[in-house]
Amino acid sequence: MQKDSQTVHAHPSWRSQKLGDVTAAWYEREITIPTHWASRRISVCIEYLNSYAVVYVDRSRAGEIRFPGGEVDLTSLCHPGGTHGLSLLVVAMPLKGVMLSYTDSSSAREVKGSVARRGLCGDVYLVSTPAGPRITDLKVDTSVRNKQFTLDVALDGLVADAQYVFRARIMKEGCSIKEFTSRAFRGSDLKEGRIASTATT
């Protein structure tokens, strides 16, 4: 089924290459940034990746993405109205290798294993969002016994000395049943890019 799901257009120079033995490949294409994306955050998003990718813009390293997918900020390397070369070095590795890549990408590539579906397995696209602070991840922990819930929020783009709050609303059947505003905090209060706040229901 995996063979039937892909069509390979082989270049003459590697037409005889056994693709099952390939563990790394470059993906490259030219991108043009819309002019109306000026003053906005620009990123590349990979929906499904197996297993590890390094992203480059015009040969400048932009960041890394790991299984199962994610995004990399390209704002500083792209110019609205400009044309750029987007390159991705994608390496197929087992889960152990993906975990090792967080600390040492060289060691990760030495981990051997079989990866049935490899490379870019989902869509890759550019995303434009408003510049400034944004929520990148949200985890909700609930306690029925204590009648509490905790919001663990990952934030990006905060200014260290600026003050912020975040607001949450619990909905049921289209109606708001609880609204919550966190305590005020500063960008410097984040720990590893996250902050948590607890409320009573």
C-alpha atoms as a PDB file:
ATOM      1  CA  MET A   1       0.000   0.000   0.000  1.00  0.00           C
ATOM      2  CA  GLN A   2       2.852   2.386   0.755  1.00  0.00           C
ATOM      3  CA  LYS A   3       4.327   1.836  -2.705  1.00  0.00           C
ATOM      4  CA  ASP A   4       0.945   2.525  -4.288  1.00  0.00           C
ATOM      5  CA  SER A   5       0.564   5.809  -2.397  1.00  0.00           C
ATOM      6  CA  GLN A   6       3.555   7.535  -3.985  1.00  0.00           C
ATOM      7  CA  THR A   7       4.765   8.221  -7.508  1.00  0.00           C
ATOM      8  CA  VAL A   8       8.516   8.637  -7.838  1.00  0.00           C
ATOM      9  CA  HIS A   9       9.780  10.701 -10.769  1.00  0.00           C
ATOM     10  CA  ALA A  10      13.387   9.558 -10.784  1.00  0.00           C
ATOM     11  CA  HIS A  11      16.179  11.717 -12.132  1.00  0.00           C
ATOM     12  CA  PRO A  12      18.227   9.813 -14.750  1.00  0.00           C
ATOM     13  CA  SER A  13      21.328   9.995 -12.553  1.00  0.00           C
ATOM     14  CA  TRP A  14      19.662   7.966  -9.751  1.00  0.00           C
ATOM     15  CA  ARG A  15      17.082   5.968 -11.662  1.00  0.00           C
ATOM     16  CA  SER A  16      18.804   2.722 -10.634  1.00  0.00           C
ATOM     17  CA  GLN A  17      19.067   3.707  -6.945  1.00  0.00           C
ATOM     18  CA  LYS A  18      17.191   1.402  -4.570  1.00  0.00           C
ATOM     19  CA  LEU A  19      15.079   3.893  -2.648  1.00  0.00           C
ATOM     20  CA  GLY A  20      14.560   1.506   0.250  1.00  0.00           C
ATOM     21  CA  ASP A  21      18.211   2.033   1.177  1.00  0.00           C
ATOM     22  CA  VAL A  22      17.990   5.839   1.184  1.00  0.00           C
ATOM     23  CA  THR A  23      17.910   7.332   4.678  1.00  0.00           C
ATOM     24  CA  ALA A  24      18.457  11.022   3.873  1.00  0.00           C
ATOM     25  CA  ALA A  25      17.415  13.353   1.068  1.00  0.00           C
ATOM     26  CA  TRP A  26      17.280  17.036   0.130  1.00  0.00           C
ATOM     27  CA  TYR A  27      14.013  18.708  -0.790  1.00  0.00           C
ATOM     28  CA  GLU A  28      14.336  22.052  -2.542  1.00  0.00           C
ATOM     29  CA  ARG A  29      12.075  24.574  -4.211  1.00  0.00           C
ATOM     30  CA  GLU A  30      11.823  28.275  -4.913  1.00  0.00           C
ATOM     31  CA  ILE A  31       9.309  30.288  -2.882  1.00  0.00           C
ATOM     32  CA  THR A  32       7.932  33.792  -3.375  1.00  0.00           C
ATOM     33  CA  ILE A  33       6.709  35.688  -0.311  1.00  0.00           C
ATOM     34  CA  PRO A  34       3.511  37.729  -0.931  1.00  0.00           C
ATOM     35  CA  THR A  35       4.009  41.472  -0.582  1.00  0.00           C
ATOM     36  CA  HIS A  36       1.011  41.818   1.761  1.00  0.00           C
ATOM     37  CA  TRP A  37       2.858  39.654   4.334  1.00  0.00           C
ATOM     38  CA  ALA A  38       4.968  42.668   5.324  1.00  0.00           C
ATOM     39  CA  SER A  39       5.295  43.140   9.109  1.00  0.00           C
ATOM     40  CA  ARG A  40       3.963  39.616   9.729  1.00  0.00           C
ATOM     41  CA  ARG A  41       5.555  36.443  11.065  1.00  0.00           C
ATOM     42  CA  ILE A  42       6.445  33.980   8.298  1.00  0.00           C
ATOM     43  CA  SER A  43       7.026  30.301   8.955  1.00  0.00           C
ATOM     44  CA  VAL A  44       7.180  26.983   7.117  1.00  0.00           C
ATOM     45  CA  CYS A  45       4.916  24.219   8.423  1.00  0.00           C
ATOM     46  CA  ILE A  46       5.373  20.465   7.893  1.00  0.00           C
ATOM     47  CA  GLU A  47       2.244  18.429   8.602  1.00  0.00           C
ATOM     48  CA  TYR A  48       3.863  14.989   8.773  1.00  0.00           C
ATOM     49  CA  LEU A  49       7.584  14.317   8.844  1.00  0.00           C
ATOM     50  CA  ASN A  50       9.466  11.071   9.275  1.00  0.00           C
ATOM     51  CA  SER A  51      11.705  11.762  11.023  1.00  0.00           C
ATOM     52  CA  TYR A  52      14.019  14.828  11.276  1.00  0.00           C
ATOM     53  CA  ALA A  53      14.532  17.887   9.072  1.00  0.00           C
ATOM     54  CA  VAL A  54      16.903  20.847   8.988  1.00  0.00           C
ATOM     55  CA  VAL A  55      15.413  23.890   7.249  1.00  0.00           C
ATOM     56  CA  TYR A  56      17.491  26.349   5.196  1.00  0.00           C
ATOM     57  CA  VAL A  57      16.560  29.569   3.394  1.00  0.00           C
ATOM     58  CA  ASP A  58      19.051  30.710   0.762  1.00  0.00           C
ATOM     59  CA  ARG A  59      21.570  28.323   2.371  1.00  0.00           C
ATOM     60  CA  SER A  60      21.159  29.942   5.811  1.00  0.00           C
ATOM     61  CA  ARG A  61      20.035  27.566   8.557  1.00  0.00           C
ATOM     62  CA  ALA A  62      16.590  28.490   9.884  1.00  0.00           C
ATOM     63  CA  GLY A  63      15.851  25.682  12.354  1.00  0.00           C
ATOM     64  CA  GLU A  64      14.894  22.051  12.890  1.00  0.00           C
ATOM     65  CA  ILE A  65      11.673  20.030  12.868  1.00  0.00           C
ATOM     66  CA  ARG A  66      11.178  16.554  14.309  1.00  0.00           C
ATOM     67  CA  PHE A  67       8.597  13.778  13.995  1.00  0.00           C
ATOM     68  CA  PRO A  68       5.654  14.054  13.697  1.00  0.00           C
ATOM     69  CA  GLY A  69       5.801  17.629  12.373  1.00  0.00           C
ATOM     70  CA  GLY A  70       5.980  21.300  13.301  1.00  0.00           C
ATOM     71  CA  GLU A  71       7.086  24.685  12.035  1.00  0.00           C
ATOM     72  CA  VAL A  72      10.130  26.931  11.805  1.00  0.00           C
ATOM     73  CA  ASP A  73      10.154  30.729  11.873  1.00  0.00           C
ATOM     74  CA  LEU A  74      11.554  32.167   8.613  1.00  0.00           C
ATOM     75  CA  THR A  75      10.757  35.829   9.258  1.00  0.00           C
ATOM     76  CA  SER A  76      14.352  37.047   9.585  1.00  0.00           C
ATOM     77  CA  LEU A  77      15.424  35.216   6.414  1.00  0.00           C
ATOM     78  CA  CYS A  78      12.523  36.111   4.089  1.00  0.00           C
ATOM     79  CA  HIS A  79      11.431  39.402   2.584  1.00  0.00           C
ATOM     80  CA  PRO A  80       7.853  40.078   1.439  1.00  0.00           C
ATOM     81  CA  GLY A  81       7.851  40.350  -2.334  1.00  0.00           C
ATOM     82  CA  GLY A  82      11.152  38.477  -2.550  1.00  0.00           C
ATOM     83  CA  THR A  83      11.996  35.074  -4.006  1.00  0.00           C
ATOM     84  CA  HIS A  84      14.050  32.637  -1.947  1.00  0.00           C
ATOM     85  CA  GLY A  85      15.402  29.108  -2.051  1.00  0.00           C
ATOM     86  CA  LEU A  86      13.826  26.812   0.548  1.00  0.00           C
ATOM     87  CA  SER A  87      15.817  23.639   1.284  1.00  0.00           C
ATOM     88  CA  LEU A  88      15.127  20.801   3.707  1.00  0.00           C
ATOM     89  CA  LEU A  89      17.590  18.076   4.616  1.00  0.00           C
ATOM     90  CA  VAL A  90      15.376  15.207   5.792  1.00  0.00           C
ATOM     91  CA  VAL A  91      16.772  12.200   7.654  1.00  0.00           C
ATOM     92  CA  ALA A  92      14.753   9.028   8.351  1.00  0.00           C
ATOM     93  CA  MET A  93      15.500   7.587  11.773  1.00  0.00           C
ATOM     94  CA  PRO A  94      13.759   5.450  14.404  1.00  0.00           C
ATOM     95  CA  LEU A  95      12.201   7.040  17.497  1.00  0.00           C
ATOM     96  CA  LYS A  96      15.409   6.622  19.530  1.00  0.00           C
ATOM     97  CA  GLY A  97      17.272   8.642  16.939  1.00  0.00           C
ATOM     98  CA  VAL A  98      14.619  11.371  17.010  1.00  0.00           C
ATOM     99  CA  MET A  99      15.002  11.665  20.788  1.00  0.00           C
ATOM    100  CA  LEU A 100      18.805  11.788  20.520  1.00  0.00           C
ATOM    101  CA  SER A 101      18.551  14.589  17.964  1.00  0.00           C
ATOM    102  CA  TYR A 102      17.365  16.957  20.694  1.00  0.00           C
ATOM    103  CA  THR A 103      20.781  16.779  22.354  1.00  0.00           C
ATOM    104  CA  ASP A 104      23.182  15.661  19.626  1.00  0.00           C
ATOM    105  CA  SER A 105      22.072  15.459  15.999  1.00  0.00           C
ATOM    106  CA  SER A 106      25.346  13.748  15.030  1.00  0.00           C
ATOM    107  CA  SER A 107      24.699  10.833  17.389  1.00  0.00           C
ATOM    108  CA  ALA A 108      21.109  10.617  16.197  1.00  0.00           C
ATOM    109  CA  ARG A 109      22.197   9.932  12.636  1.00  0.00           C
ATOM    110  CA  GLU A 110      24.282   7.000  13.815  1.00  0.00           C
ATOM    111  CA  VAL A 111      21.220   5.177  15.168  1.00  0.00           C
ATOM    112  CA  LYS A 112      20.226   2.449  12.737  1.00  0.00           C
ATOM    113  CA  GLY A 113      16.692   1.207  12.291  1.00  0.00           C
ATOM    114  CA  SER A 114      13.935   0.561   9.805  1.00  0.00           C
ATOM    115  CA  VAL A 115      11.552   3.379   8.924  1.00  0.00           C
ATOM    116  CA  ALA A 116       8.829   2.172   6.569  1.00  0.00           C
ATOM    117  CA  ARG A 117       7.375   5.555   5.558  1.00  0.00           C
ATOM    118  CA  ARG A 118      10.085   8.180   5.373  1.00  0.00           C
ATOM    119  CA  GLY A 119      10.696  11.760   4.339  1.00  0.00           C
ATOM    120  CA  LEU A 120       7.986  14.374   3.878  1.00  0.00           C
ATOM    121  CA  CYS A 121       4.784  12.349   4.213  1.00  0.00           C
ATOM    122  CA  GLY A 122       2.382  15.289   4.522  1.00  0.00           C
ATOM    123  CA  ASP A 123       1.884  18.778   3.131  1.00  0.00           C
ATOM    124  CA  VAL A 124       4.513  21.516   3.489  1.00  0.00           C
ATOM    125  CA  TYR A 125       3.323  25.111   3.299  1.00  0.00           C
ATOM    126  CA  LEU A 126       4.124  28.690   4.279  1.00  0.00           C
ATOM    127  CA  VAL A 127       2.134  30.356   7.062  1.00  0.00           C
ATOM    128  CA  SER A 128       1.681  34.066   7.748  1.00  0.00           C
ATOM    129  CA  THR A 129       0.541  35.182  11.212  1.00  0.00           C
ATOM    130  CA  PRO A 130       0.462  38.542  13.012  1.00  0.00           C
ATOM    131  CA  ALA A 131       3.788  39.524  14.536  1.00  0.00           C
ATOM    132  CA  GLY A 132       4.132  39.704  18.295  1.00  0.00           C
ATOM    133  CA  PRO A 133       3.265  37.457  21.244  1.00  0.00           C
ATOM    134  CA  ARG A 134       1.463  34.214  20.475  1.00  0.00           C
ATOM    135  CA  ILE A 135       0.395  30.926  22.055  1.00  0.00           C
ATOM    136  CA  THR A 136       2.277  27.964  20.564  1.00  0.00           C
ATOM    137  CA  ASP A 137       0.967  25.150  22.772  1.00  0.00           C
ATOM    138  CA  LEU A 138      -1.676  24.597  25.448  1.00  0.00           C
ATOM    139  CA  LYS A 139      -2.033  21.826  28.022  1.00  0.00           C
ATOM    140  CA  VAL A 140      -5.074  21.606  30.326  1.00  0.00           C
ATOM    141  CA  ASP A 141      -4.910  19.592  33.553  1.00  0.00           C
ATOM    142  CA  THR A 142      -8.164  19.093  35.474  1.00  0.00           C
ATOM    143  CA  SER A 143      -8.919  17.966  39.022  1.00  0.00           C
ATOM    144  CA  VAL A 144     -12.516  17.025  39.832  1.00  0.00           C
ATOM    145  CA  ARG A 145     -11.626  16.420  43.485  1.00  0.00           C
ATOM    146  CA  ASN A 146     -10.164  19.912  43.939  1.00  0.00           C
ATOM    147  CA  LYS A 147     -12.571  21.548  41.481  1.00  0.00           C
ATOM    148  CA  GLN A 148      -9.625  23.101  39.687  1.00  0.00           C
ATOM    149  CA  PHE A 149      -8.075  23.284  36.274  1.00  0.00           C
ATOM    150  CA  THR A 150      -4.547  24.321  35.347  1.00  0.00           C
ATOM    151  CA  LEU A 151      -3.571  25.918  32.073  1.00  0.00           C
ATOM    152  CA  ASP A 152       0.028  25.205  31.055  1.00  0.00           C
ATOM    153  CA  VAL A 153       0.739  27.577  28.171  1.00  0.00           C
ATOM    154  CA  ALA A 154       3.731  27.827  25.818  1.00  0.00           C
ATOM    155  CA  LEU A 155       4.267  31.393  24.615  1.00  0.00           C
ATOM    156  CA  ASP A 156       6.535  32.980  22.028  1.00  0.00           C
ATOM    157  CA  GLY A 157       7.490  36.531  21.132  1.00  0.00           C
ATOM    158  CA  LEU A 158       7.102  38.012  24.612  1.00  0.00           C
ATOM    159  CA  VAL A 159       9.181  40.985  25.741  1.00  0.00           C
ATOM    160  CA  ALA A 160      11.079  40.204  28.958  1.00  0.00           C
ATOM    161  CA  ASP A 161      10.021  43.362  30.851  1.00  0.00           C
ATOM    162  CA  ALA A 162       6.483  43.652  29.459  1.00  0.00           C
ATOM    163  CA  GLN A 163       3.449  42.541  31.481  1.00  0.00           C
ATOM    164  CA  TYR A 164       0.877  40.061  30.167  1.00  0.00           C
ATOM    165  CA  VAL A 165      -2.247  38.101  31.133  1.00  0.00           C
ATOM    166  CA  PHE A 166      -4.074  35.372  29.267  1.00  0.00           C
ATOM    167  CA  ARG A 167      -7.801  34.699  29.310  1.00  0.00           C
ATOM    168  CA  ALA A 168      -9.676  31.427  28.943  1.00  0.00           C
ATOM    169  CA  ARG A 169     -13.313  30.517  28.504  1.00  0.00           C
ATOM    170  CA  ILE A 170     -14.938  27.126  29.098  1.00  0.00           C
ATOM    171  CA  MET A 171     -17.809  26.446  26.711  1.00  0.00           C
ATOM    172  CA  LYS A 172     -20.635  23.913  26.880  1.00  0.00           C
ATOM    173  CA  GLU A 173     -23.121  23.478  24.026  1.00  0.00           C
ATOM    174  CA  GLY A 174     -22.173  26.891  22.677  1.00  0.00           C
ATOM    175  CA  CYS A 175     -22.598  28.683  26.008  1.00  0.00           C
ATOM    176  CA  SER A 176     -19.896  30.132  28.236  1.00  0.00           C
ATOM    177  CA  ILE A 177     -19.941  28.478  31.678  1.00  0.00           C
ATOM    178  CA  LYS A 178     -16.655  29.771  33.085  1.00  0.00           C
ATOM    179  CA  GLU A 179     -14.273  32.587  32.261  1.00  0.00           C
ATOM    180  CA  PHE A 180     -10.798  32.888  33.703  1.00  0.00           C
ATOM    181  CA  THR A 181      -8.065  35.544  33.654  1.00  0.00           C
ATOM    182  CA  SER A 182      -4.566  34.585  34.763  1.00  0.00           C
ATOM    183  CA  ARG A 183      -2.484  36.597  37.167  1.00  0.00           C
ATOM    184  CA  ALA A 184      -0.250  39.204  35.540  1.00  0.00           C
ATOM    185  CA  PHE A 185       3.192  37.977  34.552  1.00  0.00           C
ATOM    186  CA  ARG A 186       6.240  39.214  32.662  1.00  0.00           C
ATOM    187  CA  GLY A 187       8.010  37.651  29.725  1.00  0.00           C
ATOM    188  CA  SER A 188      10.961  36.930  32.002  1.00  0.00           C
ATOM    189  CA  ASP A 189       8.721  34.758  34.240  1.00  0.00           C
ATOM    190  CA  LEU A 190       8.493  32.010  31.630  1.00  0.00           C
ATOM    191  CA  LYS A 191      10.337  28.761  32.348  1.00  0.00           C
ATOM    192  CA  GLU A 192      11.488  27.001  29.199  1.00  0.00           C
ATOM    193  CA  GLY A 193       8.994  29.137  27.282  1.00  0.00           C
ATOM    194  CA  ARG A 194       5.982  28.113  29.392  1.00  0.00           C
ATOM    195  CA  ILE A 195       3.881  29.404  32.274  1.00  0.00           C
ATOM    196  CA  ALA A 196       1.080  27.747  34.255  1.00  0.00           C
ATOM    197  CA  SER A 197      -1.908  29.189  36.094  1.00  0.00           C
ATOM    198  CA  THR A 198      -4.588  27.422  38.173  1.00  0.00           C
ATOM    199  CA  ALA A 199      -8.240  28.403  38.613  1.00  0.00           C
ATOM    200  CA  THR A 200     -11.112  27.041  40.697  1.00  0.00           C
ATOM    201  CA  THR A 201     -14.302  25.982  38.936  1.00  0.00           C
END
